[in-house]
PDB file of N, CA and C in Angstrom:
ATOM      1  N   MET A   1     -17.168 -19.879 -22.320  1.00  0.00           N
ATOM      2  CA  MET A   1     -17.269 -21.021 -21.441  1.00  0.00           C
ATOM      3  C   MET A   1     -17.913 -22.171 -22.197  1.00  0.00           C
ATOM      4  N   ASN A   2     -17.520 -23.368 -21.862  1.00  0.00           N
ATOM      5  CA  ASN A   2     -18.004 -24.566 -22.521  1.00  0.00           C
ATOM      6  C   ASN A   2     -19.481 -24.797 -22.191  1.00  0.00           C
ATOM      7  N   PRO A   3     -20.377 -24.815 -23.178  1.00  0.00           N
ATOM      8  CA  PRO A   3     -21.798 -24.990 -22.901  1.00  0.00           C
ATOM      9  C   PRO A   3     -22.153 -26.400 -22.433  1.00  0.00           C
ATOM     10  N   SER A   4     -21.232 -27.368 -22.580  1.00  0.00           N
ATOM     11  CA  SER A   4     -21.530 -28.734 -22.162  1.00  0.00           C
ATOM     12  C   SER A   4     -21.309 -28.945 -20.663  1.00  0.00           C
ATOM     13  N   LEU A   5     -20.841 -27.916 -19.964  1.00  0.00           N
ATOM     14  CA  LEU A   5     -20.659 -28.035 -18.526  1.00  0.00           C
ATOM     15  C   LEU A   5     -22.011 -28.089 -17.827  1.00  0.00           C
ATOM     16  N   THR A   6     -22.106 -28.935 -16.824  1.00  0.00           N
ATOM     17  CA  THR A   6     -23.328 -29.065 -16.049  1.00  0.00           C
ATOM     18  C   THR A   6     -23.136 -28.345 -14.719  1.00  0.00           C
ATOM     19  N   ILE A   7     -24.042 -27.426 -14.414  1.00  0.00           N
ATOM     20  CA  ILE A   7     -23.975 -26.673 -13.165  1.00  0.00           C
ATOM     21  C   ILE A   7     -25.173 -27.051 -12.316  1.00  0.00           C
ATOM     22  N   THR A   8     -24.886 -27.535 -11.120  1.00  0.00           N
ATOM     23  CA  THR A   8     -25.939 -27.788 -10.133  1.00  0.00           C
ATOM     24  C   THR A   8     -25.638 -26.927  -8.914  1.00  0.00           C
ATOM     25  N   TYR A   9     -26.670 -26.616  -8.153  1.00  0.00           N
ATOM     26  CA  TYR A   9     -26.437 -25.743  -7.002  1.00  0.00           C
ATOM     27  C   TYR A   9     -27.463 -25.996  -5.900  1.00  0.00           C
ATOM     28  N   ALA A  10     -27.119 -25.523  -4.732  1.00  0.00           N
ATOM     29  CA  ALA A  10     -28.017 -25.513  -3.583  1.00  0.00           C
ATOM     30  C   ALA A  10     -27.915 -24.127  -2.971  1.00  0.00           C
ATOM     31  N   LYS A  11     -29.049 -23.567  -2.556  1.00  0.00           N
ATOM     32  CA  LYS A  11     -29.005 -22.225  -1.998  1.00  0.00           C
ATOM     33  C   LYS A  11     -29.519 -22.217  -0.570  1.00  0.00           C
ATOM     34  N   LYS A  12     -29.031 -21.238   0.168  1.00  0.00           N
ATOM     35  CA  LYS A  12     -29.374 -21.122   1.581  1.00  0.00           C
ATOM     36  C   LYS A  12     -29.586 -19.641   1.884  1.00  0.00           C
ATOM     37  N   ILE A  13     -30.698 -19.318   2.507  1.00  0.00           N
ATOM     38  CA  ILE A  13     -30.972 -17.923   2.864  1.00  0.00           C
ATOM     39  C   ILE A  13     -30.298 -17.634   4.198  1.00  0.00           C
ATOM     40  N   LEU A  14     -29.495 -16.599   4.220  1.00  0.00           N
ATOM     41  CA  LEU A  14     -28.758 -16.203   5.418  1.00  0.00           C
ATOM     42  C   LEU A  14     -29.590 -15.237   6.255  1.00  0.00           C
ATOM     43  N   PRO A  15     -29.274 -15.106   7.556  1.00  0.00           N
ATOM     44  CA  PRO A  15     -30.026 -14.174   8.414  1.00  0.00           C
ATOM     45  C   PRO A  15     -29.988 -12.723   7.910  1.00  0.00           C
ATOM     46  N   SER A  16     -28.971 -12.365   7.151  1.00  0.00           N
ATOM     47  CA  SER A  16     -28.854 -11.008   6.622  1.00  0.00           C
ATOM     48  C   SER A  16     -29.820 -10.756   5.460  1.00  0.00           C
ATOM     49  N   GLY A  17     -30.439 -11.813   4.936  1.00  0.00           N
ATOM     50  CA  GLY A  17     -31.319 -11.680   3.780  1.00  0.00           C
ATOM     51  C   GLY A  17     -30.627 -12.025   2.476  1.00  0.00           C
ATOM     52  N   ASN A  18     -29.312 -12.137   2.507  1.00  0.00           N
ATOM     53  CA  ASN A  18     -28.562 -12.549   1.320  1.00  0.00           C
ATOM     54  C   ASN A  18     -28.737 -14.037   1.094  1.00  0.00           C
ATOM     55  N   ILE A  19     -28.403 -14.481  -0.097  1.00  0.00           N
ATOM     56  CA  ILE A  19     -28.516 -15.897  -0.431  1.00  0.00           C
ATOM     57  C   ILE A  19     -27.130 -16.446  -0.743  1.00  0.00           C
ATOM     58  N   GLN A  20     -26.766 -17.529  -0.054  1.00  0.00           N
ATOM     59  CA  GLN A  20     -25.502 -18.207  -0.316  1.00  0.00           C
ATOM     60  C   GLN A  20     -25.797 -19.373  -1.245  1.00  0.00           C
ATOM     61  N   VAL A  21     -25.091 -19.406  -2.374  1.00  0.00           N
ATOM     62  CA  VAL A  21     -25.280 -20.456  -3.363  1.00  0.00           C
ATOM     63  C   VAL A  21     -24.012 -21.301  -3.416  1.00  0.00           C
ATOM     64  N   LYS A  22     -24.152 -22.596  -3.153  1.00  0.00           N
ATOM     65  CA  LYS A  22     -23.039 -23.527  -3.317  1.00  0.00           C
ATOM     66  C   LYS A  22     -23.290 -24.253  -4.632  1.00  0.00           C
ATOM     67  N   PHE A  23     -22.317 -24.182  -5.539  1.00  0.00           N
ATOM     68  CA  PHE A  23     -22.524 -24.773  -6.854  1.00  0.00           C
ATOM     69  C   PHE A  23     -21.439 -25.789  -7.178  1.00  0.00           C
ATOM     70  N   PHE A  24     -21.784 -26.694  -8.088  1.00  0.00           N
ATOM     71  CA  PHE A  24     -20.888 -27.749  -8.552  1.00  0.00           C
ATOM     72  C   PHE A  24     -20.866 -27.703 -10.073  1.00  0.00           C
ATOM     73  N   ILE A  25     -19.670 -27.811 -10.652  1.00  0.00           N
ATOM     74  CA  ILE A  25     -19.512 -27.765 -12.105  1.00  0.00           C
ATOM     75  C   ILE A  25     -18.899 -29.086 -12.546  1.00  0.00           C
ATOM     76  N   LYS A  26     -19.607 -29.795 -13.399  1.00  0.00           N
ATOM     77  CA  LYS A  26     -19.128 -31.078 -13.905  1.00  0.00           C
ATOM     78  C   LYS A  26     -19.032 -31.020 -15.417  1.00  0.00           C
ATOM     79  N   GLY A  27     -18.133 -31.806 -15.977  1.00  0.00           N
ATOM     80  CA  GLY A  27     -18.007 -31.887 -17.427  1.00  0.00           C
ATOM     81  C   GLY A  27     -16.708 -31.321 -17.956  1.00  0.00           C
ATOM     82  N   GLY A  28     -15.920 -30.702 -17.129  1.00  0.00           N
ATOM     83  CA  GLY A  28     -14.631 -30.170 -17.565  1.00  0.00           C
ATOM     84  C   GLY A  28     -13.533 -31.180 -17.316  1.00  0.00           C
ATOM     85  N   VAL A  29     -12.299 -30.726 -17.434  1.00  0.00           N
ATOM     86  CA  VAL A  29     -11.152 -31.592 -17.162  1.00  0.00           C
ATOM     87  C   VAL A  29     -11.165 -32.008 -15.697  1.00  0.00           C
ATOM     88  N   LYS A  30     -11.392 -31.042 -14.822  1.00  0.00           N
ATOM     89  CA  LYS A  30     -11.515 -31.313 -13.389  1.00  0.00           C
ATOM     90  C   LYS A  30     -12.841 -30.748 -12.905  1.00  0.00           C
ATOM     91  N   GLU A  31     -13.457 -31.460 -11.977  1.00  0.00           N
ATOM     92  CA  GLU A  31     -14.695 -30.945 -11.414  1.00  0.00           C
ATOM     93  C   GLU A  31     -14.373 -29.779 -10.487  1.00  0.00           C
ATOM     94  N   LYS A  32     -15.274 -28.816 -10.429  1.00  0.00           N
ATOM     95  CA  LYS A  32     -15.078 -27.637  -9.596  1.00  0.00           C
ATOM     96  C   LYS A  32     -16.312 -27.408  -8.751  1.00  0.00           C
ATOM     97  N   TYR A  33     -16.117 -26.683  -7.677  1.00  0.00           N
ATOM     98  CA  TYR A  33     -17.238 -26.254  -6.850  1.00  0.00           C
ATOM     99  C   TYR A  33     -16.919 -24.867  -6.326  1.00  0.00           C
ATOM    100  N   GLY A  34     -17.926 -24.204  -5.834  1.00  0.00           N
ATOM    101  CA  GLY A  34     -17.680 -22.867  -5.331  1.00  0.00           C
ATOM    102  C   GLY A  34     -18.887 -22.292  -4.636  1.00  0.00           C
ATOM    103  N   TYR A  35     -18.734 -21.055  -4.228  1.00  0.00           N
ATOM    104  CA  TYR A  35     -19.780 -20.342  -3.501  1.00  0.00           C
ATOM    105  C   TYR A  35     -20.003 -18.987  -4.149  1.00  0.00           C
ATOM    106  N   LEU A  36     -21.248 -18.558  -4.145  1.00  0.00           N
ATOM    107  CA  LEU A  36     -21.627 -17.256  -4.666  1.00  0.00           C
ATOM    108  C   LEU A  36     -22.579 -16.620  -3.671  1.00  0.00           C
ATOM    109  N   LEU A  37     -22.324 -15.385  -3.322  1.00  0.00           N
ATOM    110  CA  LEU A  37     -23.197 -14.646  -2.419  1.00  0.00           C
ATOM    111  C   LEU A  37     -23.967 -13.628  -3.245  1.00  0.00           C
ATOM    112  N   ILE A  38     -25.299 -13.724  -3.204  1.00  0.00           N
ATOM    113  CA  ILE A  38     -26.123 -12.773  -3.948  1.00  0.00           C
ATOM    114  C   ILE A  38     -27.099 -12.099  -2.993  1.00  0.00           C
ATOM    115  N   SER A  39     -27.466 -10.889  -3.343  1.00  0.00           N
ATOM    116  CA  SER A  39     -28.421 -10.166  -2.502  1.00  0.00           C
ATOM    117  C   SER A  39     -29.785 -10.187  -3.175  1.00  0.00           C
ATOM    118  N   GLY A  40     -30.792 -10.431  -2.389  1.00  0.00           N
ATOM    119  CA  GLY A  40     -32.145 -10.453  -2.919  1.00  0.00           C
ATOM    120  C   GLY A  40     -32.483 -11.748  -3.627  1.00  0.00           C
ATOM    121  N   TYR A  41     -33.743 -11.855  -4.008  1.00  0.00           N
ATOM    122  CA  TYR A  41     -34.232 -13.062  -4.668  1.00  0.00           C
ATOM    123  C   TYR A  41     -33.841 -13.053  -6.144  1.00  0.00           C
ATOM    124  N   LYS A  42     -33.416 -14.201  -6.643  1.00  0.00           N
ATOM    125  CA  LYS A  42     -33.152 -14.391  -8.073  1.00  0.00           C
ATOM    126  C   LYS A  42     -33.742 -15.729  -8.478  1.00  0.00           C
ATOM    127  N   SER A  43     -34.224 -15.783  -9.697  1.00  0.00           N
ATOM    128  CA  SER A  43     -34.796 -17.031 -10.196  1.00  0.00           C
ATOM    129  C   SER A  43     -33.684 -18.044 -10.471  1.00  0.00           C
ATOM    130  N   GLU A  44     -34.103 -19.268 -10.723  1.00  0.00           N
ATOM    131  CA  GLU A  44     -33.145 -20.340 -10.994  1.00  0.00           C
ATOM    132  C   GLU A  44     -32.295 -20.018 -12.226  1.00  0.00           C
ATOM    133  N   GLN A  45     -32.939 -19.499 -13.262  1.00  0.00           N
ATOM    134  CA  GLN A  45     -32.222 -19.155 -14.500  1.00  0.00           C
ATOM    135  C   GLN A  45     -31.246 -18.006 -14.267  1.00  0.00           C
ATOM    136  N   GLU A  46     -31.619 -17.025 -13.450  1.00  0.00           N
ATOM    137  CA  GLU A  46     -30.738 -15.900 -13.154  1.00  0.00           C
ATOM    138  C   GLU A  46     -29.511 -16.342 -12.366  1.00  0.00           C
ATOM    139  N   ILE A  47     -29.696 -17.300 -11.454  1.00  0.00           N
ATOM    140  CA  ILE A  47     -28.570 -17.809 -10.660  1.00  0.00           C
ATOM    141  C   ILE A  47     -27.578 -18.544 -11.559  1.00  0.00           C
ATOM    142  N   ILE A  48     -28.074 -19.410 -12.440  1.00  0.00           N
ATOM    143  CA  ILE A  48     -27.202 -20.142 -13.370  1.00  0.00           C
ATOM    144  C   ILE A  48     -26.475 -19.156 -14.285  1.00  0.00           C
ATOM    145  N   SER A  49     -27.188 -18.163 -14.769  1.00  0.00           N
ATOM    146  CA  SER A  49     -26.588 -17.155 -15.637  1.00  0.00           C
ATOM    147  C   SER A  49     -25.500 -16.377 -14.893  1.00  0.00           C
ATOM    148  N   GLU A  50     -25.746 -16.023 -13.647  1.00  0.00           N
ATOM    149  CA  GLU A  50     -24.759 -15.298 -12.832  1.00  0.00           C
ATOM    150  C   GLU A  50     -23.501 -16.143 -12.620  1.00  0.00           C
ATOM    151  N   ILE A  51     -23.671 -17.431 -12.354  1.00  0.00           N
ATOM    152  CA  ILE A  51     -22.525 -18.324 -12.166  1.00  0.00           C
ATOM    153  C   ILE A  51     -21.719 -18.423 -13.460  1.00  0.00           C
ATOM    154  N   ARG A  52     -22.390 -18.599 -14.591  1.00  0.00           N
ATOM    155  CA  ARG A  52     -21.699 -18.691 -15.884  1.00  0.00           C
ATOM    156  C   ARG A  52     -20.936 -17.402 -16.197  1.00  0.00           C
ATOM    157  N   GLN A  53     -21.567 -16.265 -15.922  1.00  0.00           N
ATOM    158  CA  GLN A  53     -20.914 -14.978 -16.180  1.00  0.00           C
ATOM    159  C   GLN A  53     -19.672 -14.798 -15.306  1.00  0.00           C
ATOM    160  N   ARG A  54     -19.777 -15.146 -14.031  1.00  0.00           N
ATOM    161  CA  ARG A  54     -18.630 -15.010 -13.130  1.00  0.00           C
ATOM    162  C   ARG A  54     -17.525 -15.994 -13.503  1.00  0.00           C
ATOM    163  N   LEU A  55     -17.877 -17.182 -13.996  1.00  0.00           N
ATOM    164  CA  LEU A  55     -16.868 -18.139 -14.456  1.00  0.00           C
ATOM    165  C   LEU A  55     -16.094 -17.585 -15.644  1.00  0.00           C
ATOM    166  N   MET A  56     -16.803 -16.965 -16.585  1.00  0.00           N
ATOM    167  CA  MET A  56     -16.126 -16.372 -17.737  1.00  0.00           C
ATOM    168  C   MET A  56     -15.190 -15.256 -17.295  1.00  0.00           C
ATOM    169  N   LEU A  57     -15.626 -14.407 -16.372  1.00  0.00           N
ATOM    170  CA  LEU A  57     -14.766 -13.341 -15.857  1.00  0.00           C
ATOM    171  C   LEU A  57     -13.556 -13.916 -15.127  1.00  0.00           C
ATOM    172  N   HIS A  58     -13.791 -14.955 -14.339  1.00  0.00           N
ATOM    173  CA  HIS A  58     -12.705 -15.602 -13.600  1.00  0.00           C
ATOM    174  C   HIS A  58     -11.658 -16.156 -14.562  1.00  0.00           C
ATOM    175  N   ASN A  59     -12.099 -16.815 -15.623  1.00  0.00           N
ATOM    176  CA  ASN A  59     -11.168 -17.376 -16.602  1.00  0.00           C
ATOM    177  C   ASN A  59     -10.425 -16.280 -17.350  1.00  0.00           C
ATOM    178  N   THR A  60     -11.089 -15.182 -17.633  1.00  0.00           N
ATOM    179  CA  THR A  60     -10.440 -14.057 -18.312  1.00  0.00           C
ATOM    180  C   THR A  60      -9.384 -13.436 -17.416  1.00  0.00           C
ATOM    181  N   TYR A  61      -9.722 -13.193 -16.167  1.00  0.00           N
ATOM    182  CA  TYR A  61      -8.777 -12.565 -15.239  1.00  0.00           C
ATOM    183  C   TYR A  61      -7.595 -13.477 -14.933  1.00  0.00           C
ATOM    184  N   ARG A  62      -7.824 -14.778 -14.945  1.00  0.00           N
ATOM    185  CA  ARG A  62      -6.755 -15.723 -14.638  1.00  0.00           C
ATOM    186  C   ARG A  62      -5.637 -15.643 -15.664  1.00  0.00           C
ATOM    187  N   THR A  63      -5.993 -15.377 -16.917  1.00  0.00           N
ATOM    188  CA  THR A  63      -4.986 -15.315 -17.971  1.00  0.00           C
ATOM    189  C   THR A  63      -4.528 -13.895 -18.273  1.00  0.00           C
ATOM    190  N   ASP A  64      -5.073 -12.914 -17.595  1.00  0.00           N
ATOM    191  CA  ASP A  64      -4.747 -11.516 -17.852  1.00  0.00           C
ATOM    192  C   ASP A  64      -3.584 -11.090 -16.961  1.00  0.00           C
ATOM    193  N   LEU A  65      -2.429 -10.851 -17.563  1.00  0.00           N
ATOM    194  CA  LEU A  65      -1.247 -10.480 -16.783  1.00  0.00           C
ATOM    195  C   LEU A  65      -1.285  -9.039 -16.301  1.00  0.00           C
ATOM    196  N   GLN A  66      -2.203  -8.249 -16.820  1.00  0.00           N
ATOM    197  CA  GLN A  66      -2.292  -6.862 -16.381  1.00  0.00           C
ATOM    198  C   GLN A  66      -2.819  -6.743 -14.951  1.00  0.00           C
ATOM    199  N   ARG A  67      -3.386  -7.794 -14.413  1.00  0.00           N
ATOM    200  CA  ARG A  67      -3.886  -7.711 -13.045  1.00  0.00           C
ATOM    201  C   ARG A  67      -2.741  -7.524 -12.047  1.00  0.00           C
ATOM    202  N   PHE A  68      -1.507  -7.812 -12.466  1.00  0.00           N
ATOM    203  CA  PHE A  68      -0.352  -7.610 -11.603  1.00  0.00           C
ATOM    204  C   PHE A  68       0.246  -6.221 -11.779  1.00  0.00           C
ATOM    205  N   SER A  69      -0.359  -5.437 -12.623  1.00  0.00           N
ATOM    206  CA  SER A  69       0.125  -4.090 -12.903  1.00  0.00           C
ATOM    207  C   SER A  69      -0.739  -3.066 -12.172  1.00  0.00           C
ATOM    208  N   PHE A  70      -0.148  -1.923 -11.874  1.00  0.00           N
ATOM    209  CA  PHE A  70      -0.903  -0.858 -11.232  1.00  0.00           C
ATOM    210  C   PHE A  70      -1.559   0.059 -12.258  1.00  0.00           C
ATOM    211  N   VAL A  71      -1.368  -0.231 -13.534  1.00  0.00           N
ATOM    212  CA  VAL A  71      -1.931   0.593 -14.590  1.00  0.00           C
ATOM    213  C   VAL A  71      -3.460   0.501 -14.580  1.00  0.00           C
ATOM    214  N   ARG A  72      -3.971  -0.685 -14.437  1.00  0.00           N
ATOM    215  CA  ARG A  72      -5.409  -0.903 -14.430  1.00  0.00           C
ATOM    216  C   ARG A  72      -5.826  -1.393 -13.053  1.00  0.00           C
ATOM    217  N   GLU A  73      -6.900  -0.866 -12.555  1.00  0.00           N
ATOM    218  CA  GLU A  73      -7.369  -1.295 -11.240  1.00  0.00           C
ATOM    219  C   GLU A  73      -8.049  -2.645 -11.368  1.00  0.00           C
ATOM    220  N   PHE A  74      -7.480  -3.642 -10.726  1.00  0.00           N
ATOM    221  CA  PHE A  74      -8.048  -4.982 -10.705  1.00  0.00           C
ATOM    222  C   PHE A  74      -8.644  -5.212  -9.331  1.00  0.00           C
ATOM    223  N   LYS A  75      -9.890  -5.608  -9.280  1.00  0.00           N
ATOM    224  CA  LYS A  75     -10.542  -5.843  -7.995  1.00  0.00           C
ATOM    225  C   LYS A  75     -10.945  -7.307  -7.883  1.00  0.00           C
ATOM    226  N   ASP A  76     -10.629  -7.894  -6.734  1.00  0.00           N
ATOM    227  CA  ASP A  76     -11.056  -9.259  -6.477  1.00  0.00           C
ATOM    228  C   ASP A  76     -12.558  -9.295  -6.252  1.00  0.00           C
ATOM    229  N   ASP A  77     -13.154 -10.417  -6.586  1.00  0.00           N
ATOM    230  CA  ASP A  77     -14.583 -10.606  -6.380  1.00  0.00           C
ATOM    231  C   ASP A  77     -14.762 -11.396  -5.087  1.00  0.00           C
ATOM    232  N   HIS A  78     -15.104 -10.718  -4.022  1.00  0.00           N
ATOM    233  CA  HIS A  78     -15.235 -11.366  -2.722  1.00  0.00           C
ATOM    234  C   HIS A  78     -16.579 -12.042  -2.522  1.00  0.00           C
ATOM    235  N   ASN A  79     -17.425 -12.018  -3.548  1.00  0.00           N
ATOM    236  CA  ASN A  79     -18.712 -12.700  -3.477  1.00  0.00           C
ATOM    237  C   ASN A  79     -18.731 -13.982  -4.322  1.00  0.00           C
ATOM    238  N   PHE A  80     -17.575 -14.349  -4.893  1.00  0.00           N
ATOM    239  CA  PHE A  80     -17.496 -15.524  -5.756  1.00  0.00           C
ATOM    240  C   PHE A  80     -16.202 -16.269  -5.442  1.00  0.00           C
ATOM    241  N   TYR A  81     -16.339 -17.526  -5.037  1.00  0.00           N
ATOM    242  CA  TYR A  81     -15.175 -18.365  -4.721  1.00  0.00           C
ATOM    243  C   TYR A  81     -15.271 -19.638  -5.534  1.00  0.00           C
ATOM    244  N   LEU A  82     -14.155 -20.033  -6.145  1.00  0.00           N
ATOM    245  CA  LEU A  82     -14.131 -21.205  -7.015  1.00  0.00           C
ATOM    246  C   LEU A  82     -12.965 -22.096  -6.596  1.00  0.00           C
ATOM    247  N   TYR A  83     -13.254 -23.399  -6.473  1.00  0.00           N
ATOM    248  CA  TYR A  83     -12.244 -24.377  -6.049  1.00  0.00           C
ATOM    249  C   TYR A  83     -12.259 -25.566  -7.006  1.00  0.00           C
ATOM    250  N   THR A  84     -11.136 -26.246  -7.103  1.00  0.00           N
ATOM    251  CA  THR A  84     -11.046 -27.477  -7.879  1.00  0.00           C
ATOM    252  C   THR A  84     -11.239 -28.659  -6.945  1.00  0.00           C
ATOM    253  N   ALA A  85     -12.113 -29.567  -7.344  1.00  0.00           N
ATOM    254  CA  ALA A  85     -12.412 -30.723  -6.490  1.00  0.00           C
ATOM    255  C   ALA A  85     -11.386 -31.816  -6.679  1.00  0.00           C
TER     256      ALA A  85
END
């Protein structure tokens, strides 16, 4: 992932105890935003690291044609949503 990308976020504690993180990514070709659901408390650095890690996985899976095959089990990440602004 491009290290020059700027990630900002806002978090909200849900009644279930989980934390909903709304994040914004600037510095790429198109700006993106998304949501991440995490359980338990995480520091600011851990949240940014989690977003970066999920972005790398998302980009890898997007170009991986094996996800359309039944040979390897591909699972969607229902705790991470990414949109183009």
